[in-house]
Protein backbone atom coordinates (compact mmCIF):
# COMPACT_ATOMS: atom_id res chain seq x y z
CA UNK A 1 120.45 39.59 102.80
CA UNK A 2 123.36 41.25 100.92
CA UNK A 3 123.43 41.00 97.15
CA UNK A 4 125.64 38.33 95.60
CA UNK A 5 126.38 40.33 92.48
CA UNK A 6 127.94 43.64 91.62
CA UNK A 7 125.19 45.93 90.30
CA UNK A 8 125.92 48.04 87.27
CA UNK A 9 126.04 51.69 88.28
CA UNK A 10 124.23 54.34 86.25
CA UNK A 11 125.66 57.29 88.15
CA UNK A 12 128.54 57.84 85.73
CA UNK A 13 126.08 58.45 82.86
CA UNK A 14 123.69 60.85 84.54
CA UNK A 15 125.10 63.99 82.97
CA UNK A 16 123.44 63.35 79.61
CA UNK A 17 119.70 63.01 79.15
CA UNK A 18 119.25 59.72 77.33
CA UNK A 19 115.49 60.19 77.00
CA UNK A 20 114.58 63.82 76.22
CA UNK A 21 110.85 64.50 76.25
CA UNK A 22 108.32 67.34 76.39
CA UNK A 23 110.27 69.43 73.94
CA UNK A 24 109.19 71.84 71.16
CA UNK A 25 110.27 69.26 68.56
CA UNK A 26 107.72 66.86 67.08
CA UNK A 27 107.09 63.58 68.86
CA UNK A 28 109.72 60.93 68.07
CA UNK A 29 110.68 57.42 69.10
CA UNK A 30 114.02 56.81 70.83
CA UNK A 31 115.50 53.34 71.00
CA UNK A 32 115.93 52.13 74.57
CA UNK A 33 119.59 52.14 75.65
CA UNK A 34 119.12 50.50 79.07
CA UNK A 35 118.77 46.79 79.81
CA UNK A 36 115.39 45.40 80.81
CA UNK A 37 116.80 42.60 82.97
CA UNK A 38 119.93 44.00 84.55
CA UNK A 39 121.78 40.77 85.32
CA UNK A 40 122.18 37.28 83.96
CA UNK A 41 119.88 34.56 85.24
CA UNK A 42 121.27 31.91 87.60
CA UNK A 43 119.67 29.10 89.56
CA UNK A 44 119.64 31.39 92.60
CA UNK A 45 117.22 33.79 90.88
CA UNK A 46 113.73 34.12 92.43
CA UNK A 47 112.04 33.46 89.06
CA UNK A 48 112.67 30.90 86.35
CA UNK A 49 114.86 31.54 83.33
CA UNK A 50 111.78 31.41 81.09
CA UNK A 51 110.06 34.03 83.26
CA UNK A 52 113.10 36.31 83.13
CA UNK A 53 113.21 35.97 79.34
CA UNK A 54 109.48 36.70 79.12
CA UNK A 55 109.87 39.88 81.16
CA UNK A 56 112.74 40.97 78.92
CA UNK A 57 110.73 40.26 75.76
CA UNK A 58 107.27 41.52 76.75
CA UNK A 59 108.03 44.11 79.41
CA UNK A 60 105.73 42.42 81.91
CA UNK A 61 105.24 39.15 83.77
CA UNK A 62 102.25 37.40 85.34
CA UNK A 63 102.83 35.32 88.48
CA UNK A 64 100.12 33.31 90.20
CA UNK A 65 99.83 31.36 93.45
CA UNK A 66 102.61 33.25 95.23
CA UNK A 67 100.29 34.02 98.14
CA UNK A 68 98.09 31.65 100.09
CA UNK A 69 94.30 32.13 100.05
CA UNK A 70 94.51 33.23 103.71
CA UNK A 71 97.11 35.87 102.89
CA UNK A 72 95.07 37.16 99.98
CA UNK A 73 91.96 37.41 102.16
CA UNK A 74 93.88 39.31 104.84
CA UNK A 75 95.27 41.77 102.28
CA UNK A 76 91.88 42.24 100.61
CA UNK A 77 90.27 42.98 103.99
CA UNK A 78 93.03 45.43 104.91
CA UNK A 79 92.71 47.26 101.60
CA UNK A 80 88.94 47.58 102.11
CA UNK A 81 89.50 49.00 105.58
CA UNK A 82 91.99 51.55 104.25
CA UNK A 83 89.52 52.69 101.63
CA UNK A 84 86.72 52.98 104.20
CA UNK A 85 89.00 55.14 106.35
CA UNK A 86 90.14 57.27 103.39
CA UNK A 87 88.76 60.47 104.89
CA UNK A 88 91.05 60.05 107.88
CA UNK A 89 94.23 59.94 105.77
CA UNK A 90 96.36 62.94 104.85
CA UNK A 91 94.69 65.00 102.14
CA UNK A 92 97.45 64.71 99.55
CA UNK A 93 97.61 60.94 99.97
CA UNK A 94 94.05 60.44 98.73
CA UNK A 95 92.80 61.10 95.19
CA UNK A 96 89.09 60.86 94.42
CA UNK A 97 87.30 60.00 91.19
CA UNK A 98 86.70 62.94 88.82
CA UNK A 99 83.27 64.36 89.62
CA UNK A 100 82.75 62.39 92.84
CA UNK A 101 84.17 61.78 96.32
CA UNK A 102 84.82 58.08 95.76
CA UNK A 103 88.41 57.12 96.55
CA UNK A 104 90.46 56.49 93.39
CA UNK A 105 93.98 56.17 94.84
CA UNK A 106 95.67 56.06 98.24
CA UNK A 107 99.37 56.92 98.08
CA UNK A 108 102.28 56.10 100.44
CA UNK A 109 100.68 52.75 101.06
CA UNK A 110 103.54 51.30 103.10
CA UNK A 111 103.37 54.31 105.44
CA UNK A 112 99.62 53.90 106.04
CA UNK A 113 99.62 50.38 107.43
CA UNK A 114 102.01 47.79 108.85
CA UNK A 115 100.62 44.94 106.74
CA UNK A 116 101.12 46.98 103.58
CA UNK A 117 104.63 47.86 104.75
CA UNK A 118 105.40 44.15 105.01
CA UNK A 119 103.92 43.59 101.57
CA UNK A 120 106.15 46.31 100.08
CA UNK A 121 109.19 44.56 101.54
CA UNK A 122 108.04 41.01 100.82
CA UNK A 123 110.61 38.86 99.05
CA UNK A 124 107.95 37.75 96.58
CA UNK A 125 107.73 41.34 95.32
CA UNK A 126 110.84 43.26 96.31
CA UNK A 127 113.11 40.22 95.94
CA UNK A 128 112.06 39.71 92.33
CA UNK A 129 112.45 43.43 91.65
CA UNK A 130 115.93 43.35 93.13
CA UNK A 131 116.88 40.52 90.80
CA UNK A 132 115.43 42.10 87.66
CA UNK A 133 116.98 45.51 88.38
CA UNK A 134 120.33 44.08 89.44
CA UNK A 135 120.62 46.32 92.49
CA UNK A 136 119.25 47.01 95.92
CA UNK A 137 115.84 48.64 95.59
CA UNK A 138 113.63 51.14 97.37
CA UNK A 139 110.00 52.17 96.96
CA UNK A 140 109.82 55.12 94.59
CA UNK A 141 106.04 55.33 94.85
CA UNK A 142 103.24 53.18 96.25
CA UNK A 143 99.50 53.37 95.92
CA UNK A 144 96.27 51.50 96.39
CA UNK A 145 94.24 51.88 93.19
CA UNK A 146 90.46 51.51 93.17
CA UNK A 147 88.13 51.43 90.21
CA UNK A 148 84.62 51.46 91.67
CA UNK A 149 81.77 49.65 89.99
CA UNK A 150 79.74 51.74 87.52
CA UNK A 151 81.77 54.94 87.98
CA UNK A 152 85.46 53.94 87.76
CA UNK A 153 87.20 56.10 85.18
CA UNK A 154 89.80 55.07 82.64
CA UNK A 155 93.56 55.53 82.87
CA UNK A 156 94.82 56.70 79.47
CA UNK A 157 97.73 55.04 77.65
CA UNK A 158 101.12 56.11 78.96
CA UNK A 159 104.64 55.09 79.93
CA UNK A 160 105.27 55.59 83.64
CA UNK A 161 108.92 56.32 82.96
CA UNK A 162 108.04 59.32 80.80
CA UNK A 163 106.44 61.00 83.83
CA UNK A 164 109.00 59.78 86.33
CA UNK A 165 111.81 61.04 84.09
CA UNK A 166 110.21 64.35 83.14
CA UNK A 167 108.70 65.33 86.50
CA UNK A 168 110.55 63.27 89.14
CA UNK A 169 114.08 63.26 87.75
CA UNK A 170 114.46 59.48 87.39
CA UNK A 171 117.49 59.26 85.10
CA UNK A 172 117.35 55.77 83.57
CA UNK A 173 114.97 52.90 82.90
CA UNK A 174 115.89 50.90 85.99
CA UNK A 175 112.54 50.67 87.76
CA UNK A 176 109.45 48.48 87.63
CA UNK A 177 105.95 48.24 89.07
CA UNK A 178 104.57 45.34 91.06
CA UNK A 179 100.77 45.21 91.02
CA UNK A 180 99.10 42.73 93.35
CA UNK A 181 95.46 42.17 92.43
CA UNK A 182 93.15 42.56 95.45
CA UNK A 183 89.97 41.83 93.49
CA UNK A 184 89.41 39.73 90.42
CA UNK A 185 90.60 41.82 87.47
CA UNK A 186 88.88 41.14 84.16
CA UNK A 187 88.66 42.97 80.87
CA UNK A 188 85.04 43.86 81.62
CA UNK A 189 85.84 45.70 84.89
CA UNK A 190 88.80 47.72 83.67
CA UNK A 191 91.78 45.41 84.01
CA UNK A 192 95.17 46.85 83.08
CA UNK A 193 96.02 46.66 79.38
CA UNK A 194 99.62 46.52 78.17
CA UNK A 195 101.38 46.57 74.81
CA UNK A 196 103.90 43.69 74.90
CA UNK A 197 107.30 44.82 73.62
CA UNK A 198 106.48 48.53 73.72
CA UNK A 199 109.09 49.01 76.46
CA UNK A 200 111.89 48.76 73.90
CA UNK A 201 111.28 52.30 72.58
CA UNK A 202 110.75 55.59 74.37
CA UNK A 203 108.12 57.93 72.95
CA UNK A 204 109.50 61.45 73.33
CA UNK A 205 106.43 63.65 73.64
CA UNK A 206 105.95 67.16 72.33
CA UNK A 207 104.96 70.04 74.59
CA UNK A 208 105.91 71.24 78.05
CA UNK A 209 104.96 70.47 81.63
CA UNK A 210 102.50 72.92 83.21
CA UNK A 211 103.18 74.14 86.74
CA UNK A 212 101.90 71.60 89.31
CA UNK A 213 100.82 69.28 86.54
CA UNK A 214 100.34 66.44 89.04
CA UNK A 215 97.24 68.11 90.49
CA UNK A 216 95.28 67.36 87.32
CA UNK A 217 97.21 64.38 85.95
CA UNK A 218 96.33 62.23 88.97
CA UNK A 219 92.71 62.34 87.88
CA UNK A 220 93.21 62.53 84.13
CA UNK A 221 96.59 62.33 82.43
CA UNK A 222 96.94 64.45 79.30
CA UNK A 223 100.54 65.71 79.36
CA UNK A 224 103.32 63.34 78.32
CA UNK A 225 101.11 60.77 76.64
CA UNK A 226 101.88 59.37 73.16
CA UNK A 227 99.88 60.66 70.24
CA UNK A 228 97.04 58.56 68.82
CA UNK A 229 99.25 57.90 65.77
CA UNK A 230 102.06 56.48 67.91
CA UNK A 231 99.64 54.44 69.99
CA UNK A 232 98.04 53.01 66.86
CA UNK A 233 101.44 52.07 65.45
CA UNK A 234 102.57 50.49 68.73
CA UNK A 235 99.35 48.52 69.03
CA UNK A 236 99.69 47.30 65.44
CA UNK A 237 103.29 46.25 66.08
CA UNK A 238 102.81 44.64 69.48
CA UNK A 239 99.14 44.01 70.11
CA UNK A 240 97.33 44.59 73.40
CA UNK A 241 97.28 42.17 76.34
CA UNK A 242 94.83 42.23 79.25
CA UNK A 243 96.30 41.84 82.75
CA UNK A 244 93.53 39.55 83.92
CA UNK A 245 93.55 37.27 86.94
CA UNK A 246 91.97 36.42 90.26
CA UNK A 247 92.79 38.24 93.49
CA UNK A 248 96.31 37.33 94.56
CA UNK A 249 97.79 37.45 91.04
CA UNK A 250 100.99 39.49 90.76
CA UNK A 251 101.77 41.55 87.67
CA UNK A 252 105.25 42.97 87.22
CA UNK A 253 105.82 45.47 84.44
CA UNK A 254 108.76 47.51 83.26
CA UNK A 255 108.75 51.25 83.84
CA UNK A 256 108.55 51.99 80.09
CA UNK A 257 105.82 49.53 79.08
CA UNK A 258 102.90 51.37 77.50
CA UNK A 259 99.76 50.61 79.52
CA UNK A 260 96.32 51.95 80.40
CA UNK A 261 92.85 50.75 81.37
CA UNK A 262 89.24 51.21 80.38
CA UNK A 263 86.53 52.63 82.60
CA UNK A 264 84.43 50.29 84.72
CA UNK A 265 80.68 50.35 84.06
CA UNK A 266 80.09 46.93 85.63
CA UNK A 267 78.94 46.31 89.23
CA UNK A 268 82.33 44.69 89.99
CA UNK A 269 84.96 47.00 91.52
CA UNK A 270 88.65 46.62 90.74
CA UNK A 271 91.41 47.09 93.31
CA UNK A 272 95.19 46.66 93.11
CA UNK A 273 98.15 47.42 95.36
CA UNK A 274 101.01 49.05 93.42
CA UNK A 275 104.62 49.27 94.54
CA UNK A 276 107.14 50.97 92.27
CA UNK A 277 110.67 49.70 92.86
CA UNK A 278 113.62 51.79 91.73
CA UNK A 279 117.27 50.80 91.83
CA UNK A 280 119.17 52.61 94.57
CA UNK A 281 121.83 53.58 92.00
CA UNK A 282 119.07 55.20 89.91
CA UNK A 283 118.10 57.73 92.56
CA UNK A 284 116.29 60.87 91.51
CA UNK A 285 117.87 64.06 90.22
CA UNK A 286 116.33 67.37 89.28
CA UNK A 287 113.39 66.86 86.91
CA UNK A 288 114.34 66.58 83.24
CA UNK A 289 111.25 68.42 81.94
CA UNK A 290 109.62 70.27 84.84
CA UNK A 291 110.47 73.29 86.96
CA UNK A 292 110.46 71.33 90.22
CA UNK A 293 110.08 67.84 91.63
CA UNK A 294 106.62 66.48 92.32
CA UNK A 295 105.69 66.15 96.02
CA UNK A 296 107.20 63.39 98.12
CA UNK A 297 104.00 61.34 98.20
CA UNK A 298 104.46 60.81 94.44
CA UNK A 299 108.21 60.37 94.34
CA UNK A 300 110.52 59.28 97.14
CA UNK A 301 112.98 62.18 97.30
CA UNK A 302 116.33 62.28 99.05
CA UNK A 303 118.84 59.48 99.55
CA UNK A 304 117.00 56.16 99.26
CA UNK A 305 117.46 53.42 101.83
CA UNK A 306 117.61 49.86 100.48
CA UNK A 307 114.65 47.77 101.57
CA UNK A 308 115.13 45.08 104.18
CA UNK A 309 113.18 42.18 102.74
CA UNK A 310 110.33 40.69 104.74
CA UNK A 311 110.09 36.95 105.28
CA UNK A 312 106.83 35.45 106.40
CA UNK A 313 103.08 35.39 105.89
CA UNK A 314 100.26 37.88 106.37
CA UNK A 315 97.54 35.65 107.86
């Protein structure tokens, strides 16, 4: 369905780097210059006005009961099958836990399976992203994240946009992540944690990007993360929220929201399907703080094609 609004175009502002990072200068905070919700709410929007305002204020949104129990079961079963067949997937698409062969992440999710391709294009995900970003959207990155029971490792605090800007060449904050929970996610088994309101500032990190940084950062991110002092200040200002919910819950969060997760030492695994939606007008350039782009399985390179939204069920 064609858009009924004229998206704001960022292409005329791409010459200047609005969010410099990984520089020799000390870490600093930069006020966000981009909108969070890129168009005004109308009754035709796929979410309520209160939900749009909440996303703008907090940098994330929790939506429940979008999928039927039968759909959730079908998606959970398909995710389990993909994990079981992880050895058969392309080597670069699969990341294992540090110190073990247990699958941590499967990338290019929509290319691995037809059901996951439909999910990536589903109006309940991509349609909301299209509204919030005020543009046609494409999948910048997708992944199936696992946190096994007992051995699942933590994901340290970070802003996704910092990496996407520095290493992928994403020019502006016009992207978001949609995380569909495929197991119950609770604080005790390593649910996502977010700092509400942290998306309004960009933490410009000190240092530089090592060659092929992605090879280590996929297992443990150390480059481009805020200092403990900044994290402590942000947590004091905004607090920390747990992205808890039963399987089938959808979490949407802005590309610059500071988030992370604890390790999982419980018997209960955690699994989520992630789809990163970027505005077509926000297509990638050369990296802003790396010598070359990351591989295509981490960042959709080239001229993006707008998603054709999927209508229908999965069961």
